[in-house]
Amino acid sequence: MGHYCRICDRMRANERFGGRGHRIHICRDCQRLPRSELDRIERLDELRGFLDQSNISERNRESLKLLAAHESPEVRTLAALVEDVARVHPRRRRRFSNLARNHPDLLKRMISILGDEWWDEVSVRFIGSNTDDFDEFYSLPQPDQGIDSE
């Protein structure tokens, strides 16, 4: 049984971790990355974690303002997005249906920044079978009509 590396997001063998790496959950390969790259990955994970919280608090919003001035443009973009989401709907309950109903441009921006994989995961986890609000917002591709089953 190995250990989880929080930077490369995978399970690695015990031998892939140095003495300090076990404690901080970073494998040797990831420890060799430049500090700026490690910081960027950790900040992006932190920002994605804000979206999973039940409430984006005022203290979190202060952190978002600091991250909006980060050196990485990817972190700045995601921090601005999460800050906008926190301003509009800080609570997680019904966040996505509220965004789809009242702020569709913000939800589309979230999907474009975070990607379709994120949207698929969110739609399964939070929306489930209640997709009435999302039918007109995010039309799913229809099955190929050209295939005949004979």
Protein backbone atom coordinates (compact mmCIF):
# COMPACT_ATOMS: atom_id res chain seq x y z
CA MET A 1 0.00 0.00 0.00
CA GLY A 2 1.51 3.29 -1.07
CA HIS A 3 0.88 6.90 -0.21
CA TYR A 4 -1.07 9.64 -1.92
CA CYS A 5 0.85 12.54 -3.46
CA ARG A 6 -1.26 15.68 -3.27
CA ILE A 7 0.68 17.44 -6.03
CA CYS A 8 0.54 14.85 -8.82
CA ASP A 9 -2.78 13.50 -7.46
CA ARG A 10 -1.91 9.82 -7.52
CA MET A 11 -0.97 6.92 -5.29
CA ARG A 12 2.75 6.22 -5.27
CA ALA A 13 4.87 3.46 -3.73
CA ASN A 14 6.48 4.08 -0.35
CA GLU A 15 9.88 4.22 -2.03
CA ARG A 16 8.78 7.28 -4.03
CA PHE A 17 8.57 9.36 -0.82
CA GLY A 18 11.53 10.75 1.10
CA GLY A 19 11.62 11.22 4.86
CA ARG A 20 9.77 14.53 4.85
CA GLY A 21 7.66 13.58 1.84
CA HIS A 22 5.61 11.08 3.83
CA ARG A 23 4.51 13.77 6.25
CA ILE A 24 3.70 16.46 3.70
CA HIS A 25 2.32 13.98 1.12
CA ILE A 26 4.60 15.03 -1.73
CA CYS A 27 6.57 12.42 -3.68
CA ARG A 28 10.24 12.89 -4.58
CA ASP A 29 9.44 13.68 -8.21
CA CYS A 30 7.11 16.49 -7.20
CA GLN A 31 9.56 17.82 -4.60
CA ARG A 32 11.97 18.45 -7.47
CA LEU A 33 9.50 20.79 -9.16
CA PRO A 34 10.23 24.52 -8.90
CA ARG A 35 8.70 26.24 -5.88
CA SER A 36 6.58 28.47 -8.11
CA GLU A 37 5.04 25.40 -9.77
CA LEU A 38 4.35 23.73 -6.41
CA ASP A 39 2.77 26.92 -5.13
CA ARG A 40 0.62 27.25 -8.25
CA ILE A 41 -0.69 23.68 -7.93
CA GLU A 42 -1.42 24.09 -4.22
CA ARG A 43 -3.26 27.39 -4.78
CA LEU A 44 -5.37 25.91 -7.58
CA ASP A 45 -6.33 23.00 -5.30
CA GLU A 46 -7.17 25.48 -2.54
CA LEU A 47 -9.40 27.47 -4.88
CA ARG A 48 -11.23 24.37 -6.10
CA GLY A 49 -11.71 23.43 -2.46
CA PHE A 50 -13.52 26.72 -1.84
CA LEU A 51 -16.17 25.65 -4.33
CA ASP A 52 -16.76 22.43 -2.37
CA GLN A 53 -17.18 24.17 0.97
CA SER A 54 -20.67 24.54 2.40
CA ASN A 55 -20.09 28.27 2.87
CA ILE A 56 -17.48 30.58 1.40
CA SER A 57 -16.94 32.78 4.45
CA GLU A 58 -15.71 36.35 4.73
CA ARG A 59 -12.32 35.03 5.78
CA ASN A 60 -12.22 32.91 2.62
CA ARG A 61 -13.16 35.95 0.56
CA GLU A 62 -10.19 37.84 2.04
CA SER A 63 -7.96 34.94 0.97
CA LEU A 64 -9.50 35.11 -2.50
CA LYS A 65 -8.59 38.80 -2.75
CA LEU A 66 -4.99 37.94 -1.92
CA LEU A 67 -4.95 35.09 -4.43
CA ALA A 68 -6.36 37.43 -7.10
CA ALA A 69 -2.94 39.14 -7.00
CA HIS A 70 -0.97 35.88 -7.40
CA GLU A 71 1.88 35.72 -9.90
CA SER A 72 0.26 32.91 -11.90
CA PRO A 73 -2.43 34.07 -14.36
CA GLU A 74 -4.26 30.75 -13.95
CA VAL A 75 -4.54 31.28 -10.19
CA ARG A 76 -5.64 34.90 -10.68
CA THR A 77 -8.36 33.87 -13.11
CA LEU A 78 -9.71 31.11 -10.88
CA ALA A 79 -9.54 33.35 -7.78
CA ALA A 80 -11.57 36.04 -9.55
CA LEU A 81 -14.12 33.44 -10.61
CA VAL A 82 -14.49 31.97 -7.11
CA GLU A 83 -14.73 35.48 -5.67
CA ASP A 84 -17.60 36.26 -8.06
CA VAL A 85 -19.34 33.02 -7.10
CA ALA A 86 -18.88 33.83 -3.40
CA ARG A 87 -20.34 37.28 -3.92
CA VAL A 88 -23.39 35.97 -5.77
CA HIS A 89 -24.12 32.74 -3.86
CA PRO A 90 -21.72 31.89 -0.99
CA ARG A 91 -23.67 28.86 0.21
CA ARG A 92 -23.23 25.53 -1.59
CA ARG A 93 -26.84 24.42 -1.26
CA ARG A 94 -28.57 24.97 -4.60
CA ARG A 95 -25.59 27.03 -5.76
CA PHE A 96 -25.49 25.64 -9.27
CA SER A 97 -29.22 25.74 -9.90
CA ASN A 98 -29.25 29.33 -8.61
CA LEU A 99 -26.36 30.24 -10.89
CA ALA A 100 -28.07 28.57 -13.86
CA ARG A 101 -31.32 30.39 -13.17
CA ASN A 102 -30.08 33.84 -12.14
CA HIS A 103 -26.48 34.08 -13.40
CA PRO A 104 -26.05 31.81 -16.44
CA ASP A 105 -23.09 33.83 -17.71
CA LEU A 106 -21.19 33.14 -14.49
CA LEU A 107 -21.95 29.41 -14.68
CA LYS A 108 -20.81 29.32 -18.31
CA ARG A 109 -17.62 31.09 -17.24
CA MET A 110 -17.12 28.45 -14.54
CA ILE A 111 -17.49 25.66 -17.07
CA SER A 112 -15.11 27.33 -19.52
CA ILE A 113 -12.45 27.88 -16.84
CA LEU A 114 -12.80 24.63 -14.89
CA GLY A 115 -13.57 22.41 -17.88
CA ASP A 116 -16.21 19.93 -18.94
CA GLU A 117 -14.82 17.18 -16.67
CA TRP A 118 -15.52 19.39 -13.67
CA TRP A 119 -19.03 20.10 -14.92
CA ASP A 120 -19.78 16.41 -15.44
CA GLU A 121 -18.61 15.62 -11.91
CA VAL A 122 -20.62 18.49 -10.43
CA SER A 123 -23.76 17.61 -12.32
CA VAL A 124 -23.65 14.06 -11.00
CA ARG A 125 -22.71 14.99 -7.41
CA PHE A 126 -24.93 18.00 -6.76
CA ILE A 127 -27.66 18.03 -9.35
CA GLY A 128 -28.36 14.32 -9.75
CA SER A 129 -31.56 13.62 -11.61
CA ASN A 130 -33.07 17.08 -11.03
CA THR A 131 -31.79 18.77 -14.19
CA ASP A 132 -34.84 20.90 -15.05
CA ASP A 133 -32.96 24.18 -14.51
CA PHE A 134 -30.09 23.05 -16.69
CA ASP A 135 -31.92 21.72 -19.75
CA GLU A 136 -31.95 25.01 -21.60
CA PHE A 137 -28.64 26.20 -20.13
CA TYR A 138 -26.41 23.28 -20.95
CA SER A 139 -27.79 21.13 -23.71
CA LEU A 140 -26.22 17.72 -23.73
CA PRO A 141 -25.25 16.25 -27.11
CA GLN A 142 -27.93 14.02 -28.56
CA PRO A 143 -27.09 10.44 -29.56
CA ASP A 144 -26.12 9.96 -33.17
CA GLN A 145 -29.32 9.83 -35.21
CA GLY A 146 -27.65 8.31 -38.29
CA ILE A 147 -27.20 4.80 -36.89
CA ASP A 148 -29.99 2.37 -37.69
CA SER A 149 -30.46 -0.64 -35.46
CA GLU A 150 -31.58 -3.52 -37.68
